[in-house]
Each structure stands twice: as C-alpha cells, then as structure tokens.
Amino acid sequence: MDTTQLLKGVLDLAVLAVVSDEDGYGYDVVRRLRAAGIEEVGDASVYGTLRRLYSSGALTSYVVPSDEGPHRKYYGINAQGRAMLEAQRKDWQEFAGTMGRLLKTEVVR
C-alpha cells in the first residue's frame, strides 16, 4: 500500500508529537520520525511542515551555532502547538477507532 497520501494527512500531527518530546532541528526531526517507523517521510516534506507550523504560530524557533557546519535552526512546541497537538490527537483517536471497527467488519465478511 502506498502510504504517501496517508502521511500527508498526519504529518503535522507526527511533527508536533516529535517536537513535543524535545526540540529539534530539521534533519533531527526527520531522523526521529524515521526511527519511529515513518521511514518513507521526505526531508522536504518535514522542512516544509516545520516552516508552516512555525508560521501558523504552533512552534517557536531559535538558532544554535555549530562548530561542525552551518548553524542549526531548532523548533520547539509552544502553548498553541500543544493545544493543536491535543486536538489532533483526539481527532486521530476517533478516526483510527472508526477505521479499526470498519476494517474488522470487512475482515469478518
């Protein structure tokens, strides 16, 4: 199954969940999503999502100098982002429950 479209629908939620645990820079967020099992996530999709969530006021950002290369822009969740995460978490739980019941019904037939 191609999960590309599914991922597009839940990438905001996944990114908010990742940065709710610990602030992170772009590639760090990508790495943590992949480590959690979302292996097909693209770098550009995550960077775009971080920028969009920041622009919408859900994330804060700050720059940390790096001796090993360019400075890194870190993103962290704020109160608005936590509220968004909580609302999306509830939506996800309802949707996943509905799909679980539907698929179980489909399998039994």
PDB file of N, CA and C in Angstrom:
ATOM      1  N   MET A   1       0.840  -1.179   0.000  1.00  0.00           N
ATOM      2  CA  MET A   1       0.000   0.000   0.000  1.00  0.00           C
ATOM      3  C   MET A   1       0.887   1.244   0.000  1.00  0.00           C
ATOM      4  N   ASP A   2       0.579   2.173  -0.870  1.00  0.00           N
ATOM      5  CA  ASP A   2       1.302   3.443  -0.916  1.00  0.00           C
ATOM      6  C   ASP A   2       0.763   4.337   0.197  1.00  0.00           C
ATOM      7  N   THR A   3       1.604   4.642   1.163  1.00  0.00           N
ATOM      8  CA  THR A   3       1.161   5.429   2.324  1.00  0.00           C
ATOM      9  C   THR A   3       1.404   6.925   2.159  1.00  0.00           C
ATOM     10  N   THR A   4       1.791   7.363   0.971  1.00  0.00           N
ATOM     11  CA  THR A   4       2.113   8.770   0.733  1.00  0.00           C
ATOM     12  C   THR A   4       0.952   9.687   1.105  1.00  0.00           C
ATOM     13  N   GLN A   5      -0.249   9.359   0.639  1.00  0.00           N
ATOM     14  CA  GLN A   5      -1.411  10.201   0.923  1.00  0.00           C
ATOM     15  C   GLN A   5      -1.785  10.160   2.400  1.00  0.00           C
ATOM     16  N   LEU A   6      -1.659   8.997   3.023  1.00  0.00           N
ATOM     17  CA  LEU A   6      -1.925   8.898   4.459  1.00  0.00           C
ATOM     18  C   LEU A   6      -0.965   9.782   5.244  1.00  0.00           C
ATOM     19  N   LEU A   7       0.292   9.746   4.856  1.00  0.00           N
ATOM     20  CA  LEU A   7       1.313  10.525   5.544  1.00  0.00           C
ATOM     21  C   LEU A   7       1.040  12.024   5.439  1.00  0.00           C
ATOM     22  N   LYS A   8       0.612  12.466   4.259  1.00  0.00           N
ATOM     23  CA  LYS A   8       0.301  13.885   4.088  1.00  0.00           C
ATOM     24  C   LYS A   8      -0.761  14.340   5.082  1.00  0.00           C
ATOM     25  N   GLY A   9      -1.709  13.460   5.367  1.00  0.00           N
ATOM     26  CA  GLY A   9      -2.796  13.804   6.272  1.00  0.00           C
ATOM     27  C   GLY A   9      -2.416  13.842   7.733  1.00  0.00           C
ATOM     28  N   VAL A  10      -1.311  13.198   8.091  1.00  0.00           N
ATOM     29  CA  VAL A  10      -0.946  13.126   9.509  1.00  0.00           C
ATOM     30  C   VAL A  10       0.436  13.704   9.819  1.00  0.00           C
ATOM     31  N   LEU A  11       1.086  14.308   8.827  1.00  0.00           N
ATOM     32  CA  LEU A  11       2.449  14.794   9.056  1.00  0.00           C
ATOM     33  C   LEU A  11       2.494  15.915  10.098  1.00  0.00           C
ATOM     34  N   ASP A  12       1.528  16.821  10.089  1.00  0.00           N
ATOM     35  CA  ASP A  12       1.501  17.868  11.118  1.00  0.00           C
ATOM     36  C   ASP A  12       1.460  17.239  12.501  1.00  0.00           C
ATOM     37  N   LEU A  13       0.562  16.280  12.678  1.00  0.00           N
ATOM     38  CA  LEU A  13       0.420  15.606  13.964  1.00  0.00           C
ATOM     39  C   LEU A  13       1.712  14.901  14.365  1.00  0.00           C
ATOM     40  N   ALA A  14       2.335  14.211  13.428  1.00  0.00           N
ATOM     41  CA  ALA A  14       3.569  13.485  13.723  1.00  0.00           C
ATOM     42  C   ALA A  14       4.696  14.442  14.113  1.00  0.00           C
ATOM     43  N   VAL A  15       4.831  15.544  13.388  1.00  0.00           N
ATOM     44  CA  VAL A  15       5.890  16.520  13.691  1.00  0.00           C
ATOM     45  C   VAL A  15       5.634  17.165  15.051  1.00  0.00           C
ATOM     46  N   LEU A  16       4.399  17.554  15.317  1.00  0.00           N
ATOM     47  CA  LEU A  16       4.086  18.140  16.627  1.00  0.00           C
ATOM     48  C   LEU A  16       4.402  17.152  17.751  1.00  0.00           C
ATOM     49  N   ALA A  17       4.076  15.888  17.543  1.00  0.00           N
ATOM     50  CA  ALA A  17       4.355  14.872  18.565  1.00  0.00           C
ATOM     51  C   ALA A  17       5.848  14.739  18.813  1.00  0.00           C
ATOM     52  N   VAL A  18       6.637  14.752  17.741  1.00  0.00           N
ATOM     53  CA  VAL A  18       8.089  14.604  17.880  1.00  0.00           C
ATOM     54  C   VAL A  18       8.690  15.784  18.642  1.00  0.00           C
ATOM     55  N   VAL A  19       8.312  16.999  18.279  1.00  0.00           N
ATOM     56  CA  VAL A  19       8.912  18.158  18.952  1.00  0.00           C
ATOM     57  C   VAL A  19       8.287  18.421  20.316  1.00  0.00           C
ATOM     58  N   SER A  20       7.183  17.751  20.631  1.00  0.00           N
ATOM     59  CA  SER A  20       6.617  17.904  21.979  1.00  0.00           C
ATOM     60  C   SER A  20       7.493  17.209  23.015  1.00  0.00           C
ATOM     61  N   ASP A  21       8.220  16.187  22.575  1.00  0.00           N
ATOM     62  CA  ASP A  21       9.130  15.463  23.474  1.00  0.00           C
ATOM     63  C   ASP A  21      10.428  16.225  23.692  1.00  0.00           C
ATOM     64  N   GLU A  22      10.938  16.823  22.609  1.00  0.00           N
ATOM     65  CA  GLU A  22      12.231  17.517  22.668  1.00  0.00           C
ATOM     66  C   GLU A  22      12.366  18.389  21.424  1.00  0.00           C
ATOM     67  N   ASP A  23      12.858  19.611  21.609  1.00  0.00           N
ATOM     68  CA  ASP A  23      13.105  20.495  20.468  1.00  0.00           C
ATOM     69  C   ASP A  23      14.027  19.785  19.475  1.00  0.00           C
ATOM     70  N   GLY A  24      13.933  20.169  18.213  1.00  0.00           N
ATOM     71  CA  GLY A  24      14.802  19.551  17.222  1.00  0.00           C
ATOM     72  C   GLY A  24      14.973  20.423  15.996  1.00  0.00           C
ATOM     73  N   TYR A  25      16.075  20.227  15.298  1.00  0.00           N
ATOM     74  CA  TYR A  25      16.316  20.899  14.016  1.00  0.00           C
ATOM     75  C   TYR A  25      15.785  19.998  12.911  1.00  0.00           C
ATOM     76  N   GLY A  26      15.712  20.518  11.707  1.00  0.00           N
ATOM     77  CA  GLY A  26      15.066  19.826  10.602  1.00  0.00           C
ATOM     78  C   GLY A  26      15.442  18.373  10.435  1.00  0.00           C
ATOM     79  N   TYR A  27      16.717  18.089  10.207  1.00  0.00           N
ATOM     80  CA  TYR A  27      17.091  16.705   9.939  1.00  0.00           C
ATOM     81  C   TYR A  27      16.924  15.823  11.175  1.00  0.00           C
ATOM     82  N   ASP A  28      17.063  16.405  12.359  1.00  0.00           N
ATOM     83  CA  ASP A  28      16.835  15.658  13.589  1.00  0.00           C
ATOM     84  C   ASP A  28      15.379  15.192  13.660  1.00  0.00           C
ATOM     85  N   VAL A  29      14.450  16.054  13.279  1.00  0.00           N
ATOM     86  CA  VAL A  29      13.031  15.685  13.270  1.00  0.00           C
ATOM     87  C   VAL A  29      12.796  14.576  12.244  1.00  0.00           C
ATOM     88  N   VAL A  30      13.398  14.696  11.070  1.00  0.00           N
ATOM     89  CA  VAL A  30      13.293  13.645  10.046  1.00  0.00           C
ATOM     90  C   VAL A  30      13.798  12.316  10.613  1.00  0.00           C
ATOM     91  N   ARG A  31      14.965  12.350  11.216  1.00  0.00           N
ATOM     92  CA  ARG A  31      15.572  11.129  11.772  1.00  0.00           C
ATOM     93  C   ARG A  31      14.674  10.499  12.834  1.00  0.00           C
ATOM     94  N   ARG A  32      14.104  11.315  13.706  1.00  0.00           N
ATOM     95  CA  ARG A  32      13.239  10.795  14.771  1.00  0.00           C
ATOM     96  C   ARG A  32      11.935  10.220  14.220  1.00  0.00           C
ATOM     97  N   LEU A  33      11.380  10.838  13.185  1.00  0.00           N
ATOM     98  CA  LEU A  33      10.187  10.280  12.539  1.00  0.00           C
ATOM     99  C   LEU A  33      10.506   8.927  11.918  1.00  0.00           C
ATOM    100  N   ARG A  34      11.637   8.840  11.238  1.00  0.00           N
ATOM    101  CA  ARG A  34      12.026   7.569  10.608  1.00  0.00           C
ATOM    102  C   ARG A  34      12.286   6.499  11.662  1.00  0.00           C
ATOM    103  N   ALA A  35      12.926   6.878  12.757  1.00  0.00           N
ATOM    104  CA  ALA A  35      13.195   5.925  13.831  1.00  0.00           C
ATOM    105  C   ALA A  35      11.895   5.421  14.464  1.00  0.00           C
ATOM    106  N   ALA A  36      10.848   6.251  14.425  1.00  0.00           N
ATOM    107  CA  ALA A  36       9.553   5.860  14.983  1.00  0.00           C
ATOM    108  C   ALA A  36       8.762   4.962  14.037  1.00  0.00           C
ATOM    109  N   GLY A  37       9.264   4.788  12.797  1.00  0.00           N
ATOM    110  CA  GLY A  37       8.604   3.901  11.856  1.00  0.00           C
ATOM    111  C   GLY A  37       8.031   4.581  10.628  1.00  0.00           C
ATOM    112  N   ILE A  38       8.137   5.901  10.545  1.00  0.00           N
ATOM    113  CA  ILE A  38       7.657   6.621   9.357  1.00  0.00           C
ATOM    114  C   ILE A  38       8.861   6.782   8.428  1.00  0.00           C
ATOM    115  N   GLU A  39       9.309   5.680   7.880  1.00  0.00           N
ATOM    116  CA  GLU A  39      10.560   5.637   7.133  1.00  0.00           C
ATOM    117  C   GLU A  39      10.493   6.326   5.774  1.00  0.00           C
ATOM    118  N   GLU A  40       9.287   6.413   5.194  1.00  0.00           N
ATOM    119  CA  GLU A  40       9.169   6.980   3.856  1.00  0.00           C
ATOM    120  C   GLU A  40       9.013   8.495   3.847  1.00  0.00           C
ATOM    121  N   VAL A  41       9.091   9.140   5.003  1.00  0.00           N
ATOM    122  CA  VAL A  41       8.924  10.594   5.063  1.00  0.00           C
ATOM    123  C   VAL A  41      10.096  11.287   4.356  1.00  0.00           C
ATOM    124  N   GLY A  42       9.768  12.281   3.542  1.00  0.00           N
ATOM    125  CA  GLY A  42      10.795  13.012   2.809  1.00  0.00           C
ATOM    126  C   GLY A  42      11.309  14.212   3.581  1.00  0.00           C
ATOM    127  N   ASP A  43      12.582  14.503   3.408  1.00  0.00           N
ATOM    128  CA  ASP A  43      13.192  15.650   4.075  1.00  0.00           C
ATOM    129  C   ASP A  43      12.429  16.939   3.766  1.00  0.00           C
ATOM    130  N   ALA A  44      12.158  17.187   2.489  1.00  0.00           N
ATOM    131  CA  ALA A  44      11.498  18.432   2.084  1.00  0.00           C
ATOM    132  C   ALA A  44      10.109  18.549   2.697  1.00  0.00           C
ATOM    133  N   SER A  45       9.399  17.450   2.827  1.00  0.00           N
ATOM    134  CA  SER A  45       8.069  17.483   3.438  1.00  0.00           C
ATOM    135  C   SER A  45       8.147  17.915   4.896  1.00  0.00           C
ATOM    136  N   VAL A  46       9.134  17.388   5.604  1.00  0.00           N
ATOM    137  CA  VAL A  46       9.281  17.738   7.021  1.00  0.00           C
ATOM    138  C   VAL A  46       9.716  19.192   7.175  1.00  0.00           C
ATOM    139  N   TYR A  47      10.681  19.630   6.363  1.00  0.00           N
ATOM    140  CA  TYR A  47      11.131  21.025   6.447  1.00  0.00           C
ATOM    141  C   TYR A  47       9.975  21.973   6.155  1.00  0.00           C
ATOM    142  N   GLY A  48       9.177  21.649   5.153  1.00  0.00           N
ATOM    143  CA  GLY A  48       8.017  22.480   4.818  1.00  0.00           C
ATOM    144  C   GLY A  48       6.987  22.491   5.932  1.00  0.00           C
ATOM    145  N   THR A  49       6.781  21.356   6.553  1.00  0.00           N
ATOM    146  CA  THR A  49       5.833  21.259   7.663  1.00  0.00           C
ATOM    147  C   THR A  49       6.318  22.070   8.854  1.00  0.00           C
ATOM    148  N   LEU A  50       7.597  21.991   9.165  1.00  0.00           N
ATOM    149  CA  LEU A  50       8.151  22.789  10.262  1.00  0.00           C
ATOM    150  C   LEU A  50       7.958  24.284  10.005  1.00  0.00           C
ATOM    151  N   ARG A  51       8.249  24.718   8.787  1.00  0.00           N
ATOM    152  CA  ARG A  51       8.085  26.140   8.449  1.00  0.00           C
ATOM    153  C   ARG A  51       6.620  26.565   8.547  1.00  0.00           C
ATOM    154  N   ARG A  52       5.736  25.717   8.052  1.00  0.00           N
ATOM    155  CA  ARG A  52       4.308  26.047   8.084  1.00  0.00           C
ATOM    156  C   ARG A  52       3.778  26.096   9.513  1.00  0.00           C
ATOM    157  N   LEU A  53       4.168  25.131  10.335  1.00  0.00           N
ATOM    158  CA  LEU A  53       3.735  25.133  11.733  1.00  0.00           C
ATOM    159  C   LEU A  53       4.301  26.333  12.485  1.00  0.00           C
ATOM    160  N   TYR A  54       5.529  26.713  12.161  1.00  0.00           N
ATOM    161  CA  TYR A  54       6.127  27.905  12.763  1.00  0.00           C
ATOM    162  C   TYR A  54       5.357  29.159  12.332  1.00  0.00           C
ATOM    163  N   SER A  55       5.058  29.266  11.048  1.00  0.00           N
ATOM    164  CA  SER A  55       4.332  30.433  10.525  1.00  0.00           C
ATOM    165  C   SER A  55       2.928  30.535  11.108  1.00  0.00           C
ATOM    166  N   SER A  56       2.322  29.395  11.418  1.00  0.00           N
ATOM    167  CA  SER A  56       0.974  29.406  11.973  1.00  0.00           C
ATOM    168  C   SER A  56       0.964  29.695  13.477  1.00  0.00           C
ATOM    169  N   GLY A  57       2.147  29.756  14.082  1.00  0.00           N
ATOM    170  CA  GLY A  57       2.238  30.079  15.498  1.00  0.00           C
ATOM    171  C   GLY A  57       2.278  28.888  16.430  1.00  0.00           C
ATOM    172  N   ALA A  58       2.363  27.665  15.887  1.00  0.00           N
ATOM    173  CA  ALA A  58       2.362  26.457  16.706  1.00  0.00           C
ATOM    174  C   ALA A  58       3.745  26.096  17.245  1.00  0.00           C
ATOM    175  N   LEU A  59       4.792  26.638  16.605  1.00  0.00           N
ATOM    176  CA  LEU A  59       6.161  26.333  17.011  1.00  0.00           C
ATOM    177  C   LEU A  59       6.949  27.620  17.220  1.00  0.00           C
ATOM    178  N   THR A  60       7.942  27.528  18.079  1.00  0.00           N
ATOM    179  CA  THR A  60       8.930  28.590  18.222  1.00  0.00           C
ATOM    180  C   THR A  60      10.197  28.109  17.537  1.00  0.00           C
ATOM    181  N   SER A  61      11.132  29.006  17.294  1.00  0.00           N
ATOM    182  CA  SER A  61      12.400  28.578  16.713  1.00  0.00           C
ATOM    183  C   SER A  61      13.536  29.412  17.300  1.00  0.00           C
ATOM    184  N   TYR A  62      14.716  28.835  17.268  1.00  0.00           N
ATOM    185  CA  TYR A  62      15.928  29.520  17.697  1.00  0.00           C
ATOM    186  C   TYR A  62      17.114  28.881  16.991  1.00  0.00           C
ATOM    187  N   VAL A  63      18.168  29.644  16.855  1.00  0.00           N
ATOM    188  CA  VAL A  63      19.349  29.180  16.128  1.00  0.00           C
ATOM    189  C   VAL A  63      20.444  28.819  17.123  1.00  0.00           C
ATOM    190  N   VAL A  64      21.079  27.680  16.880  1.00  0.00           N
ATOM    191  CA  VAL A  64      22.188  27.216  17.709  1.00  0.00           C
ATOM    192  C   VAL A  64      23.424  27.133  16.825  1.00  0.00           C
ATOM    193  N   PRO A  65      24.518  27.845  17.190  1.00  0.00           N
ATOM    194  CA  PRO A  65      25.754  27.768  16.401  1.00  0.00           C
ATOM    195  C   PRO A  65      26.304  26.345  16.398  1.00  0.00           C
ATOM    196  N   SER A  66      26.949  25.991  15.312  1.00  0.00           N
ATOM    197  CA  SER A  66      27.547  24.669  15.194  1.00  0.00           C
ATOM    198  C   SER A  66      28.994  24.812  14.755  1.00  0.00           C
ATOM    199  N   ASP A  67      29.892  24.098  15.421  1.00  0.00           N
ATOM    200  CA  ASP A  67      31.297  24.087  15.043  1.00  0.00           C
ATOM    201  C   ASP A  67      31.540  23.187  13.836  1.00  0.00           C
ATOM    202  N   GLU A  68      30.583  22.306  13.541  1.00  0.00           N
ATOM    203  CA  GLU A  68      30.747  21.302  12.503  1.00  0.00           C
ATOM    204  C   GLU A  68      30.124  21.695  11.167  1.00  0.00           C
ATOM    205  N   GLY A  69      29.590  22.886  11.045  1.00  0.00           N
ATOM    206  CA  GLY A  69      28.935  23.283   9.803  1.00  0.00           C
ATOM    207  C   GLY A  69      28.038  24.481  10.047  1.00  0.00           C
ATOM    208  N   PRO A  70      26.997  24.601   9.236  1.00  0.00           N
ATOM    209  CA  PRO A  70      26.112  25.758   9.385  1.00  0.00           C
ATOM    210  C   PRO A  70      25.337  25.719  10.705  1.00  0.00           C
ATOM    211  N   HIS A  71      24.896  26.874  11.134  1.00  0.00           N
ATOM    212  CA  HIS A  71      24.079  26.946  12.343  1.00  0.00           C
ATOM    213  C   HIS A  71      22.810  26.134  12.135  1.00  0.00           C
ATOM    214  N   ARG A  72      22.260  25.640  13.228  1.00  0.00           N
ATOM    215  CA  ARG A  72      21.056  24.817  13.143  1.00  0.00           C
ATOM    216  C   ARG A  72      19.871  25.593  13.720  1.00  0.00           C
ATOM    217  N   LYS A  73      18.764  25.566  12.992  1.00  0.00           N
ATOM    218  CA  LYS A  73      17.533  26.197  13.452  1.00  0.00           C
ATOM    219  C   LYS A  73      16.697  25.130  14.153  1.00  0.00           C
ATOM    220  N   TYR A  74      16.525  25.308  15.454  1.00  0.00           N
ATOM    221  CA  TYR A  74      15.741  24.378  16.257  1.00  0.00           C
ATOM    222  C   TYR A  74      14.302  24.854  16.357  1.00  0.00           C
ATOM    223  N   TYR A  75      13.399  23.890  16.426  1.00  0.00           N
ATOM    224  CA  TYR A  75      11.980  24.181  16.593  1.00  0.00           C
ATOM    225  C   TYR A  75      11.496  23.543  17.884  1.00  0.00           C
ATOM    226  N   GLY A  76      10.640  24.269  18.591  1.00  0.00           N
ATOM    227  CA  GLY A  76      10.038  23.759  19.818  1.00  0.00           C
ATOM    228  C   GLY A  76       8.552  24.069  19.817  1.00  0.00           C
ATOM    229  N   ILE A  77       7.810  23.271  20.519  1.00  0.00           N
ATOM    230  CA  ILE A  77       6.362  23.459  20.573  1.00  0.00           C
ATOM    231  C   ILE A  77       6.029  24.495  21.644  1.00  0.00           C
ATOM    232  N   ASN A  78       4.992  25.283  21.409  1.00  0.00           N
ATOM    233  CA  ASN A  78       4.542  26.266  22.387  1.00  0.00           C
ATOM    234  C   ASN A  78       3.112  25.918  22.807  1.00  0.00           C
ATOM    235  N   ALA A  79       2.476  26.803  23.589  1.00  0.00           N
ATOM    236  CA  ALA A  79       1.129  26.514  24.097  1.00  0.00           C
ATOM    237  C   ALA A  79       0.123  26.308  22.964  1.00  0.00           C
ATOM    238  N   GLN A  80       0.195  27.126  21.932  1.00  0.00           N
ATOM    239  CA  GLN A  80      -0.719  26.973  20.796  1.00  0.00           C
ATOM    240  C   GLN A  80      -0.478  25.636  20.100  1.00  0.00           C
ATOM    241  N   GLY A  81       0.769  25.262  19.949  1.00  0.00           N
ATOM    242  CA  GLY A  81       1.098  23.977  19.336  1.00  0.00           C
ATOM    243  C   GLY A  81       0.643  22.803  20.177  1.00  0.00           C
ATOM    244  N   ARG A  82       0.763  22.931  21.503  1.00  0.00           N
ATOM    245  CA  ARG A  82       0.286  21.854  22.392  1.00  0.00           C
ATOM    246  C   ARG A  82      -1.226  21.690  22.291  1.00  0.00           C
ATOM    247  N   ALA A  83      -1.938  22.815  22.196  1.00  0.00           N
ATOM    248  CA  ALA A  83      -3.394  22.750  22.027  1.00  0.00           C
ATOM    249  C   ALA A  83      -3.739  22.089  20.696  1.00  0.00           C
ATOM    250  N   MET A  84      -3.002  22.443  19.640  1.00  0.00           N
ATOM    251  CA  MET A  84      -3.212  21.844  18.326  1.00  0.00           C
ATOM    252  C   MET A  84      -2.919  20.347  18.378  1.00  0.00           C
ATOM    253  N   LEU A  85      -1.834  19.972  19.043  1.00  0.00           N
ATOM    254  CA  LEU A  85      -1.471  18.566  19.177  1.00  0.00           C
ATOM    255  C   LEU A  85      -2.570  17.800  19.898  1.00  0.00           C
ATOM    256  N   GLU A  86      -3.075  18.342  20.969  1.00  0.00           N
ATOM    257  CA  GLU A  86      -4.114  17.662  21.736  1.00  0.00           C
ATOM    258  C   GLU A  86      -5.386  17.487  20.905  1.00  0.00           C
ATOM    259  N   ALA A  87      -5.790  18.523  20.179  1.00  0.00           N
ATOM    260  CA  ALA A  87      -6.988  18.439  19.336  1.00  0.00           C
ATOM    261  C   ALA A  87      -6.791  17.398  18.231  1.00  0.00           C
ATOM    262  N   GLN A  88      -5.629  17.421  17.590  1.00  0.00           N
ATOM    263  CA  GLN A  88      -5.362  16.463  16.510  1.00  0.00           C
ATOM    264  C   GLN A  88      -5.216  15.049  17.050  1.00  0.00           C
ATOM    265  N   ARG A  89      -4.701  14.931  18.262  1.00  0.00           N
ATOM    266  CA  ARG A  89      -4.578  13.605  18.883  1.00  0.00           C
ATOM    267  C   ARG A  89      -5.975  13.004  19.095  1.00  0.00           C
ATOM    268  N   LYS A  90      -6.904  13.806  19.572  1.00  0.00           N
ATOM    269  CA  LYS A  90      -8.279  13.320  19.768  1.00  0.00           C
ATOM    270  C   LYS A  90      -8.916  12.947  18.433  1.00  0.00           C
ATOM    271  N   ASP A  91      -8.733  13.807  17.430  1.00  0.00           N
ATOM    272  CA  ASP A  91      -9.271  13.507  16.097  1.00  0.00           C
ATOM    273  C   ASP A  91      -8.706  12.187  15.580  1.00  0.00           C
ATOM    274  N   TRP A  92      -7.396  12.001  15.758  1.00  0.00           N
ATOM    275  CA  TRP A  92      -6.753  10.774  15.286  1.00  0.00           C
ATOM    276  C   TRP A  92      -7.323   9.554  15.994  1.00  0.00           C
ATOM    277  N   GLN A  93      -7.491   9.646  17.310  1.00  0.00           N
ATOM    278  CA  GLN A  93      -8.001   8.504  18.066  1.00  0.00           C
ATOM    279  C   GLN A  93      -9.401   8.120  17.600  1.00  0.00           C
ATOM    280  N   GLU A  94     -10.241   9.119  17.343  1.00  0.00           N
ATOM    281  CA  GLU A  94     -11.596   8.842  16.849  1.00  0.00           C
ATOM    282  C   GLU A  94     -11.544   8.213  15.461  1.00  0.00           C
ATOM    283  N   PHE A  95     -10.731   8.792  14.578  1.00  0.00           N
ATOM    284  CA  PHE A  95     -10.629   8.292  13.217  1.00  0.00           C
ATOM    285  C   PHE A  95     -10.052   6.874  13.206  1.00  0.00           C
ATOM    286  N   ALA A  96      -8.997   6.655  13.961  1.00  0.00           N
ATOM    287  CA  ALA A  96      -8.366   5.332  13.998  1.00  0.00           C
ATOM    288  C   ALA A  96      -9.333   4.296  14.570  1.00  0.00           C
ATOM    289  N   GLY A  97     -10.108   4.681  15.575  1.00  0.00           N
ATOM    290  CA  GLY A  97     -11.110   3.767  16.127  1.00  0.00           C
ATOM    291  C   GLY A  97     -12.164   3.404  15.098  1.00  0.00           C
ATOM    292  N   THR A  98     -12.622   4.401  14.356  1.00  0.00           N
ATOM    293  CA  THR A  98     -13.613   4.164  13.309  1.00  0.00           C
ATOM    294  C   THR A  98     -13.056   3.234  12.238  1.00  0.00           C
ATOM    295  N   MET A  99     -11.844   3.516  11.781  1.00  0.00           N
ATOM    296  CA  MET A  99     -11.235   2.670  10.746  1.00  0.00           C
ATOM    297  C   MET A  99     -10.990   1.260  11.282  1.00  0.00           C
ATOM    298  N   GLY A 100     -10.583   1.148  12.529  1.00  0.00           N
ATOM    299  CA  GLY A 100     -10.364  -0.170  13.113  1.00  0.00           C
ATOM    300  C   GLY A 100     -11.644  -0.990  13.145  1.00  0.00           C
ATOM    301  N   ARG A 101     -12.738  -0.340  13.529  1.00  0.00           N
ATOM    302  CA  ARG A 101     -14.014  -1.045  13.536  1.00  0.00           C
ATOM    303  C   ARG A 101     -14.436  -1.406  12.113  1.00  0.00           C
ATOM    304  N   LEU A 102     -14.259  -0.494  11.189  1.00  0.00           N
ATOM    305  CA  LEU A 102     -14.626  -0.747   9.801  1.00  0.00           C
ATOM    306  C   LEU A 102     -13.816  -1.897   9.214  1.00  0.00           C
ATOM    307  N   LEU A 103     -12.533  -1.875   9.415  1.00  0.00           N
ATOM    308  CA  LEU A 103     -11.682  -2.924   8.858  1.00  0.00           C
ATOM    309  C   LEU A 103     -11.946  -4.279   9.504  1.00  0.00           C
ATOM    310  N   LYS A 104     -12.242  -4.262  10.769  1.00  0.00           N
ATOM    311  CA  LYS A 104     -12.577  -5.527  11.428  1.00  0.00           C
ATOM    312  C   LYS A 104     -13.851  -6.102  10.817  1.00  0.00           C
ATOM    313  N   THR A 105     -14.828  -5.247  10.556  1.00  0.00           N
ATOM    314  CA  THR A 105     -16.062  -5.682   9.923  1.00  0.00           C
ATOM    315  C   THR A 105     -15.777  -6.238   8.541  1.00  0.00           C
ATOM    316  N   GLU A 106     -14.910  -5.558   7.800  1.00  0.00           N
ATOM    317  CA  GLU A 106     -14.583  -6.001   6.444  1.00  0.00           C
ATOM    318  C   GLU A 106     -13.863  -7.356   6.460  1.00  0.00           C
ATOM    319  N   VAL A 107     -13.011  -7.569   7.435  1.00  0.00           N
ATOM    320  CA  VAL A 107     -12.252  -8.825   7.508  1.00  0.00           C
ATOM    321  C   VAL A 107     -13.171  -9.982   7.840  1.00  0.00           C
ATOM    322  N   VAL A 108     -14.179  -9.768   8.701  1.00  0.00           N
ATOM    323  CA  VAL A 108     -15.082 -10.836   9.148  1.00  0.00           C
ATOM    324  C   VAL A 108     -15.943 -11.335   7.993  1.00  0.00           C
ATOM    325  N   ARG A 109     -16.315 -10.479   7.057  1.00  0.00           N
ATOM    326  CA  ARG A 109     -17.193 -10.887   5.954  1.00  0.00           C
ATOM    327  C   ARG A 109     -16.617 -11.953   5.156  1.00  0.00           C
TER     328      ARG A 109
END
